[in-house]
Amino acid sequence: MKLNTSTFAAVLACLNAGISVATDVKYSTWMTRSIMSRGQGIMTGKGGSSEPLQAGFTQKAFVAIAEKYPTDPLTPHIQDYIRQSAASVAPFMLNATNDALAIDLNRRNSEGGFWYFVYPNWSYLDGMYSLAPFYALYTSDGNNDKEARKALNEMQFQIDLLWCRTQNASSGLLVHGYDDSKTAVWADRITGASPYVWGRSLGWFIMALVDTIELLPKSGCKQRDDLLNKYNGLAKAVLKAVDPVTGAWWQVMNEPGRARNYIESSGSAMFATALLKGARLGYLKDASLAIEATLAGVRAHGYLTDTFVIHNEKGFLDYNGTVSVCSLNSTASYDYYVGQPLLLNSVLGSAAYILASLEVERVA
């Protein structure tokens, strides 16, 4: 890795702060082998509505591993596993009309914001992790300028809507989503926003910003400039929201320390990933912010490793402390968010941990 000035300073800051960034263990590949041993990320049709997301997120993490470690003996097996996962998804994704998964067929609210799945007039942060990078890839895949501009403008429009309707002015954090009709039991009667900042939904969103910025042209792209500004603002808010004791992030981020609230492992891994990657790629405009982000990401990863990574008797790693799912198709109350079950070995947590581990290994 070629270190720029900010990254080099961040490494020195980690060392001076007593945070170890060198490791003799590649947790990224170890967790990858563990996921493969469990057969996760292979779609069966029996894993519920999030099964395509689980498969796609597993593929995302595994592709990153294969690219980072092309000569590792495990890499050919990882590449085979990616192909198996993709093949398992294909039969379930062939009827876009039935599944309402094609973008042009997706329903919209009165402002033009996409519905999240089948929920009328509701838009979630979660959806941007799949949508925004896809739009960016679409524009770079040989499409004509007119179609590319249309796709990029649509991508920015969807992000802007969520940003404007869900941002908390005092914290800079974004709540889970909003109801354009303002009729949901949880909806703010003026903005339609839901009341709580759910860690993983915000984790999806900030990772979407970083991944999309990476795919857009570095010059002459107004959408990239806009996403960079949003990422910088959100990174500052996320850093401010870190738990000072653990260095990780709360399940309900706008209620830190409240009874029954807890540090959640998937969202924390996503924040660590987004902060470390953004700092590494130079997306944070201020050098001191890049250093702070690197320190926070390394520290959070260390806490996740010490607290949620379990060495099992088979020589593989388990990953604990990942909330099952939180949906706005609920009361979206505080009790709801802190009452959802925690899962062992959810790939929404373990795949995020792989991505965070990769970023730490790059720093090291």
Protein backbone atom coordinates (compact mmCIF):
# COMPACT_ATOMS: atom_id res chain seq x y z
CA MET A 1 0.00 0.00 0.00
CA LYS A 2 1.31 3.43 -0.93
CA LEU A 3 0.75 5.73 2.03
CA ASN A 4 -0.29 9.31 1.46
CA THR A 5 0.59 11.92 4.08
CA SER A 6 -2.74 11.66 5.89
CA THR A 7 -2.65 7.88 6.05
CA PHE A 8 0.94 7.82 7.27
CA ALA A 9 0.05 10.35 9.97
CA ALA A 10 -2.93 8.18 10.91
CA VAL A 11 -0.72 5.13 11.36
CA LEU A 12 1.63 7.12 13.59
CA ALA A 13 -1.34 8.44 15.54
CA CYS A 14 -2.58 4.88 16.10
CA LEU A 15 0.81 3.86 17.42
CA ASN A 16 1.07 6.90 19.66
CA ALA A 17 -2.42 6.25 21.01
CA GLY A 18 -1.47 2.69 21.89
CA ILE A 19 -3.79 1.21 19.24
CA SER A 20 -2.12 -1.70 17.47
CA VAL A 21 -2.62 -1.81 13.71
CA ALA A 22 -0.12 -4.56 12.97
CA THR A 23 -1.46 -8.09 13.21
CA ASP A 24 -0.11 -11.57 12.61
CA VAL A 25 -3.65 -12.82 11.94
CA LYS A 26 -5.63 -12.05 8.79
CA TYR A 27 -9.10 -12.00 10.28
CA SER A 28 -10.52 -11.16 6.86
CA THR A 29 -9.55 -14.50 5.32
CA TRP A 30 -10.22 -16.42 8.52
CA MET A 31 -13.80 -15.10 8.67
CA THR A 32 -14.17 -15.80 4.95
CA ARG A 33 -13.19 -19.46 5.44
CA SER A 34 -15.63 -19.61 8.34
CA ILE A 35 -18.55 -18.29 6.26
CA MET A 36 -17.72 -20.78 3.51
CA SER A 37 -17.60 -23.63 6.03
CA ARG A 38 -21.18 -22.80 7.01
CA GLY A 39 -22.40 -22.62 3.41
CA GLN A 40 -23.66 -19.09 3.93
CA GLY A 41 -24.34 -16.70 1.09
CA ILE A 42 -25.74 -19.49 -1.09
CA MET A 43 -29.39 -18.72 -1.76
CA THR A 44 -31.93 -21.48 -1.13
CA GLY A 45 -35.22 -19.61 -1.32
CA LYS A 46 -35.89 -20.44 2.31
CA GLY A 47 -33.96 -17.61 3.97
CA GLY A 48 -36.64 -14.94 3.97
CA SER A 49 -36.84 -11.61 2.17
CA SER A 50 -33.28 -10.63 3.08
CA GLU A 51 -31.71 -13.74 1.53
CA PRO A 52 -30.75 -11.98 -1.75
CA LEU A 53 -29.12 -9.23 0.29
CA GLN A 54 -27.22 -11.80 2.34
CA ALA A 55 -25.93 -13.47 -0.82
CA GLY A 56 -25.00 -10.19 -2.46
CA PHE A 57 -23.22 -8.86 0.61
CA THR A 58 -21.28 -12.10 0.93
CA GLN A 59 -20.24 -11.80 -2.71
CA LYS A 60 -19.21 -8.18 -2.14
CA ALA A 61 -16.95 -9.10 0.77
CA PHE A 62 -15.48 -12.12 -1.01
CA VAL A 63 -14.70 -10.16 -4.17
CA ALA A 64 -12.86 -7.62 -2.00
CA ILE A 65 -10.86 -10.43 -0.38
CA ALA A 66 -9.92 -11.98 -3.72
CA GLU A 67 -8.80 -8.62 -5.08
CA LYS A 68 -6.72 -7.80 -2.00
CA TYR A 69 -5.04 -11.21 -1.75
CA PRO A 70 -4.83 -12.58 -5.34
CA THR A 71 -2.00 -15.03 -4.54
CA ASP A 72 -3.43 -16.39 -1.31
CA PRO A 73 -4.04 -20.17 -1.55
CA LEU A 74 -7.62 -19.57 -0.45
CA THR A 75 -8.41 -17.15 -3.28
CA PRO A 76 -9.28 -19.75 -5.99
CA HIS A 77 -11.74 -21.33 -3.57
CA ILE A 78 -13.20 -17.91 -2.78
CA GLN A 79 -13.67 -17.22 -6.48
CA ASP A 80 -15.43 -20.56 -6.95
CA TYR A 81 -17.66 -19.75 -4.01
CA ILE A 82 -18.57 -16.38 -5.52
CA ARG A 83 -19.65 -18.15 -8.70
CA GLN A 84 -21.72 -20.63 -6.71
CA SER A 85 -23.40 -17.81 -4.81
CA ALA A 86 -24.19 -15.87 -8.00
CA ALA A 87 -25.58 -19.00 -9.65
CA SER A 88 -27.77 -19.69 -6.63
CA VAL A 89 -29.32 -16.23 -6.83
CA ALA A 90 -30.10 -16.25 -10.56
CA PRO A 91 -33.16 -18.55 -10.52
CA PHE A 92 -34.88 -16.34 -7.95
CA MET A 93 -34.20 -13.09 -9.82
CA LEU A 94 -35.48 -13.89 -13.31
CA ASN A 95 -38.95 -12.35 -12.96
CA ALA A 96 -38.36 -8.67 -12.30
CA THR A 97 -42.04 -7.77 -12.75
CA ASN A 98 -43.10 -10.29 -10.13
CA ASP A 99 -40.38 -9.30 -7.70
CA ALA A 100 -40.61 -5.53 -8.42
CA LEU A 101 -36.82 -5.44 -8.43
CA ALA A 102 -36.25 -3.69 -11.81
CA ILE A 103 -35.61 -0.01 -11.14
CA ASP A 104 -37.99 1.33 -13.78
CA LEU A 105 -40.80 -0.84 -12.40
CA ASN A 106 -40.27 0.16 -8.79
CA ARG A 107 -43.09 2.19 -7.31
CA ARG A 108 -42.53 5.75 -6.11
CA ASN A 109 -44.04 8.16 -3.61
CA SER A 110 -45.48 11.53 -4.57
CA GLU A 111 -42.03 13.14 -4.60
CA GLY A 112 -40.55 10.43 -6.79
CA GLY A 113 -38.76 8.56 -4.01
CA PHE A 114 -38.61 4.80 -4.39
CA TRP A 115 -40.72 2.66 -2.10
CA TYR A 116 -38.64 0.29 -0.02
CA PHE A 117 -39.81 -3.17 -1.11
CA VAL A 118 -43.62 -3.13 -1.00
CA TYR A 119 -44.15 -0.53 1.72
CA PRO A 120 -46.38 2.24 0.32
CA ASN A 121 -44.70 5.66 0.33
CA TRP A 122 -41.96 4.56 2.72
CA SER A 123 -38.30 5.08 1.86
CA TYR A 124 -35.43 3.56 3.88
CA LEU A 125 -31.74 4.38 4.10
CA ASP A 126 -31.01 0.67 3.64
CA GLY A 127 -31.92 0.63 -0.03
CA MET A 128 -29.16 2.99 -1.12
CA TYR A 129 -26.44 0.37 -0.56
CA SER A 130 -27.80 -1.61 -3.50
CA LEU A 131 -29.11 1.25 -5.62
CA ALA A 132 -26.45 3.97 -5.68
CA PRO A 133 -23.39 1.85 -6.57
CA PHE A 134 -25.48 0.04 -9.21
CA TYR A 135 -26.32 3.36 -10.87
CA ALA A 136 -22.64 4.32 -10.82
CA LEU A 137 -21.61 1.00 -12.39
CA TYR A 138 -24.35 1.33 -15.01
CA THR A 139 -22.96 4.66 -16.17
CA SER A 140 -19.45 3.23 -16.59
CA ASP A 141 -20.53 0.14 -18.52
CA GLY A 142 -20.56 1.49 -22.04
CA ASN A 143 -23.88 3.31 -21.83
CA ASN A 144 -24.41 6.46 -23.87
CA ASP A 145 -24.00 9.89 -22.30
CA LYS A 146 -27.72 10.62 -22.21
CA GLU A 147 -28.54 7.43 -20.32
CA ALA A 148 -25.55 7.90 -18.03
CA ARG A 149 -26.59 11.43 -17.10
CA LYS A 150 -30.13 10.26 -16.47
CA ALA A 151 -28.94 7.47 -14.18
CA LEU A 152 -26.57 9.71 -12.23
CA ASN A 153 -29.22 12.40 -11.79
CA GLU A 154 -31.70 9.79 -10.57
CA MET A 155 -29.15 8.40 -8.13
CA GLN A 156 -28.43 11.83 -6.70
CA PHE A 157 -32.15 12.61 -6.51
CA GLN A 158 -32.88 9.51 -4.44
CA ILE A 159 -30.01 10.20 -2.04
CA ASP A 160 -30.99 13.86 -1.72
CA LEU A 161 -34.57 12.94 -0.84
CA LEU A 162 -33.45 10.65 1.95
CA TRP A 163 -30.88 13.15 3.15
CA CYS A 164 -33.36 16.02 3.35
CA ARG A 165 -36.18 14.00 4.89
CA THR A 166 -34.25 11.97 7.47
CA GLN A 167 -31.40 14.14 8.73
CA ASN A 168 -31.48 15.27 12.33
CA ALA A 169 -30.33 18.87 12.34
CA SER A 170 -28.69 18.76 15.75
CA SER A 171 -26.69 15.52 15.39
CA GLY A 172 -26.21 15.31 11.63
CA LEU A 173 -27.25 11.65 11.78
CA LEU A 174 -29.98 10.19 9.57
CA VAL A 175 -32.98 8.34 10.96
CA HIS A 176 -34.08 5.01 9.52
CA GLY A 177 -36.48 6.35 6.88
CA TYR A 178 -39.57 8.39 6.18
CA ASP A 179 -43.20 8.05 5.14
CA ASP A 180 -44.07 10.47 2.37
CA SER A 181 -47.77 10.22 3.23
CA LYS A 182 -47.03 11.03 6.90
CA THR A 183 -49.69 8.53 7.96
CA ALA A 184 -47.55 5.79 9.55
CA VAL A 185 -47.84 5.49 13.32
CA TRP A 186 -44.18 6.48 13.66
CA ALA A 187 -44.08 9.27 11.06
CA ASP A 188 -43.33 12.85 12.03
CA ARG A 189 -46.40 14.83 11.02
CA ILE A 190 -44.30 17.52 9.28
CA THR A 191 -41.38 15.62 7.72
CA GLY A 192 -42.67 12.04 7.73
CA ALA A 193 -39.38 10.94 9.32
CA SER A 194 -39.12 7.99 11.66
CA PRO A 195 -37.95 8.83 15.18
CA TYR A 196 -34.80 6.73 15.66
CA VAL A 197 -31.34 6.37 14.13
CA TRP A 198 -30.88 2.65 13.59
CA GLY A 199 -27.18 1.81 13.40
CA ARG A 200 -27.23 -0.72 10.57
CA SER A 201 -29.45 1.34 8.28
CA LEU A 202 -27.08 4.26 8.64
CA GLY A 203 -24.18 1.85 8.15
CA TRP A 204 -25.62 0.74 4.80
CA PHE A 205 -26.04 4.37 3.79
CA ILE A 206 -22.54 5.61 4.62
CA MET A 207 -20.97 2.54 2.94
CA ALA A 208 -23.10 3.33 -0.12
CA LEU A 209 -21.67 6.83 -0.23
CA VAL A 210 -18.06 5.60 -0.10
CA ASP A 211 -18.58 2.80 -2.62
CA THR A 212 -20.39 5.08 -5.06
CA ILE A 213 -17.79 7.84 -4.84
CA GLU A 214 -15.16 5.25 -5.71
CA LEU A 215 -16.97 4.38 -8.96
CA LEU A 216 -17.64 7.91 -10.22
CA PRO A 217 -15.31 10.02 -12.42
CA LYS A 218 -12.85 12.02 -10.35
CA SER A 219 -13.33 15.23 -12.32
CA GLY A 220 -16.29 16.98 -13.86
CA CYS A 221 -18.86 14.94 -11.95
CA LYS A 222 -21.19 17.05 -9.84
CA GLN A 223 -22.75 13.94 -8.31
CA ARG A 224 -19.38 12.82 -6.97
CA ASP A 225 -18.77 16.26 -5.47
CA ASP A 226 -22.17 16.16 -3.78
CA LEU A 227 -21.61 12.68 -2.36
CA LEU A 228 -18.18 13.72 -1.08
CA ASN A 229 -19.74 16.61 0.81
CA LYS A 230 -22.40 14.34 2.27
CA TYR A 231 -19.84 11.73 3.24
CA ASN A 232 -17.66 14.28 5.02
CA GLY A 233 -20.62 15.64 6.97
CA LEU A 234 -21.90 12.20 7.89
CA ALA A 235 -18.44 10.94 8.86
CA LYS A 236 -18.14 13.81 11.34
CA ALA A 237 -21.55 12.96 12.81
CA VAL A 238 -20.73 9.25 13.06
CA LEU A 239 -17.41 10.00 14.78
CA LYS A 240 -19.22 12.23 17.25
CA ALA A 241 -21.70 9.41 17.98
CA VAL A 242 -19.04 6.79 18.81
CA ASP A 243 -19.31 5.31 22.27
CA PRO A 244 -16.30 6.65 24.19
CA VAL A 245 -15.97 3.52 26.32
CA THR A 246 -15.97 0.82 23.63
CA GLY A 247 -15.14 2.79 20.49
CA ALA A 248 -18.10 1.19 18.71
CA TRP A 249 -21.68 2.29 17.99
CA TRP A 250 -25.09 1.81 19.60
CA GLN A 251 -28.03 -0.05 18.11
CA VAL A 252 -30.17 3.09 18.57
CA MET A 253 -27.64 5.81 17.94
CA ASN A 254 -29.68 8.77 19.13
CA GLU A 255 -30.27 7.11 22.52
CA PRO A 256 -26.73 6.29 23.72
CA GLY A 257 -26.58 4.64 27.12
CA ARG A 258 -30.34 4.33 27.49
CA ALA A 259 -31.62 1.23 29.30
CA ARG A 260 -31.63 -1.88 27.07
CA ASN A 261 -29.69 -0.15 24.30
CA TYR A 262 -26.50 -1.99 23.34
CA ILE A 263 -23.45 -1.92 21.09
CA GLU A 264 -24.43 -3.68 17.86
CA SER A 265 -21.85 -5.58 15.81
CA SER A 266 -23.00 -5.22 12.18
CA GLY A 267 -23.55 -1.46 12.17
CA SER A 268 -20.30 -0.94 14.06
CA ALA A 269 -18.38 -2.97 11.46
CA MET A 270 -20.01 -0.95 8.67
CA PHE A 271 -19.00 2.35 10.25
CA ALA A 272 -15.45 1.12 10.76
CA THR A 273 -15.33 0.08 7.10
CA ALA A 274 -16.69 3.36 5.75
CA LEU A 275 -14.44 5.52 7.92
CA LEU A 276 -11.27 3.56 7.17
CA LYS A 277 -11.97 3.27 3.45
CA GLY A 278 -12.87 6.95 3.08
CA ALA A 279 -9.70 7.97 4.90
CA ARG A 280 -7.57 5.59 2.84
CA LEU A 281 -8.93 6.86 -0.48
CA GLY A 282 -8.55 10.50 0.48
CA TYR A 283 -12.25 11.33 0.61
CA LEU A 284 -12.02 13.14 3.94
CA LYS A 285 -11.06 16.71 3.10
CA ASP A 286 -9.37 17.56 6.37
CA ALA A 287 -6.20 15.65 7.31
CA SER A 288 -7.08 15.69 11.00
CA LEU A 289 -10.50 14.21 10.20
CA ALA A 290 -8.83 11.44 8.18
CA ILE A 291 -6.59 10.65 11.14
CA GLU A 292 -9.53 10.64 13.54
CA ALA A 293 -11.47 8.34 11.21
CA THR A 294 -8.56 5.92 10.93
CA LEU A 295 -8.07 5.84 14.69
CA ALA A 296 -11.77 5.26 15.25
CA GLY A 297 -12.00 2.53 12.63
CA VAL A 298 -9.00 0.61 13.97
CA ARG A 299 -10.21 0.93 17.55
CA ALA A 300 -13.73 -0.21 16.65
CA HIS A 301 -12.39 -3.23 14.79
CA GLY A 302 -10.31 -4.16 17.80
CA TYR A 303 -13.36 -4.00 20.05
CA LEU A 304 -15.42 -6.08 17.61
CA THR A 305 -12.65 -8.68 17.45
CA ASP A 306 -12.31 -8.90 21.21
CA THR A 307 -16.05 -8.86 21.94
CA PHE A 308 -17.98 -10.50 19.11
CA VAL A 309 -15.51 -12.81 17.34
CA ILE A 310 -15.67 -16.31 18.84
CA HIS A 311 -13.05 -18.99 18.16
CA ASN A 312 -15.03 -22.22 17.90
CA GLU A 313 -13.91 -25.79 18.42
CA LYS A 314 -13.66 -26.48 14.67
CA GLY A 315 -11.03 -23.83 14.18
CA PHE A 316 -13.39 -21.38 12.54
CA LEU A 317 -14.69 -18.02 13.68
CA ASP A 318 -18.23 -17.23 14.79
CA TYR A 319 -19.56 -13.69 14.83
CA ASN A 320 -22.07 -12.62 17.45
CA GLY A 321 -24.13 -9.57 18.39
CA THR A 322 -25.82 -8.84 15.05
CA VAL A 323 -29.43 -7.72 15.27
CA SER A 324 -31.73 -9.81 13.09
CA VAL A 325 -33.71 -7.12 11.30
CA CYS A 326 -35.43 -3.85 12.09
CA SER A 327 -38.24 -2.75 9.83
CA LEU A 328 -40.39 0.35 9.70
CA ASN A 329 -43.24 -2.07 9.10
CA SER A 330 -43.63 -1.97 12.88
CA THR A 331 -44.21 0.53 15.65
CA ALA A 332 -40.61 1.73 15.06
CA SER A 333 -40.56 2.50 18.77
CA TYR A 334 -37.48 2.42 20.98
CA ASP A 335 -38.73 -0.81 22.57
CA TYR A 336 -39.06 -2.34 19.10
CA TYR A 337 -35.47 -1.54 18.07
CA VAL A 338 -33.90 -2.82 21.28
CA GLY A 339 -36.22 -5.83 21.44
CA GLN A 340 -35.29 -7.49 18.14
CA PRO A 341 -33.34 -10.74 18.51
CA LEU A 342 -29.57 -10.89 18.22
CA LEU A 343 -28.13 -13.50 15.88
CA LEU A 344 -24.98 -15.60 15.88
CA ASN A 345 -23.29 -15.78 12.46
CA SER A 346 -25.55 -13.50 10.47
CA VAL A 347 -23.59 -12.67 7.32
CA LEU A 348 -24.90 -9.12 7.57
CA GLY A 349 -22.51 -8.88 10.50
CA SER A 350 -19.71 -11.25 9.53
CA ALA A 351 -19.39 -9.94 5.95
CA ALA A 352 -19.23 -6.39 7.30
CA TYR A 353 -16.52 -7.57 9.68
CA ILE A 354 -14.55 -8.95 6.72
CA LEU A 355 -14.67 -5.56 4.99
CA ALA A 356 -13.58 -3.79 8.18
CA SER A 357 -10.79 -6.33 8.69
CA LEU A 358 -9.53 -5.73 5.15
CA GLU A 359 -9.31 -2.01 5.80
CA VAL A 360 -7.40 -2.57 9.04
CA GLU A 361 -5.05 -4.95 7.24
CA ARG A 362 -4.42 -2.26 4.64
CA VAL A 363 -3.48 0.17 7.39
CA ALA A 364 -1.20 -2.43 8.95
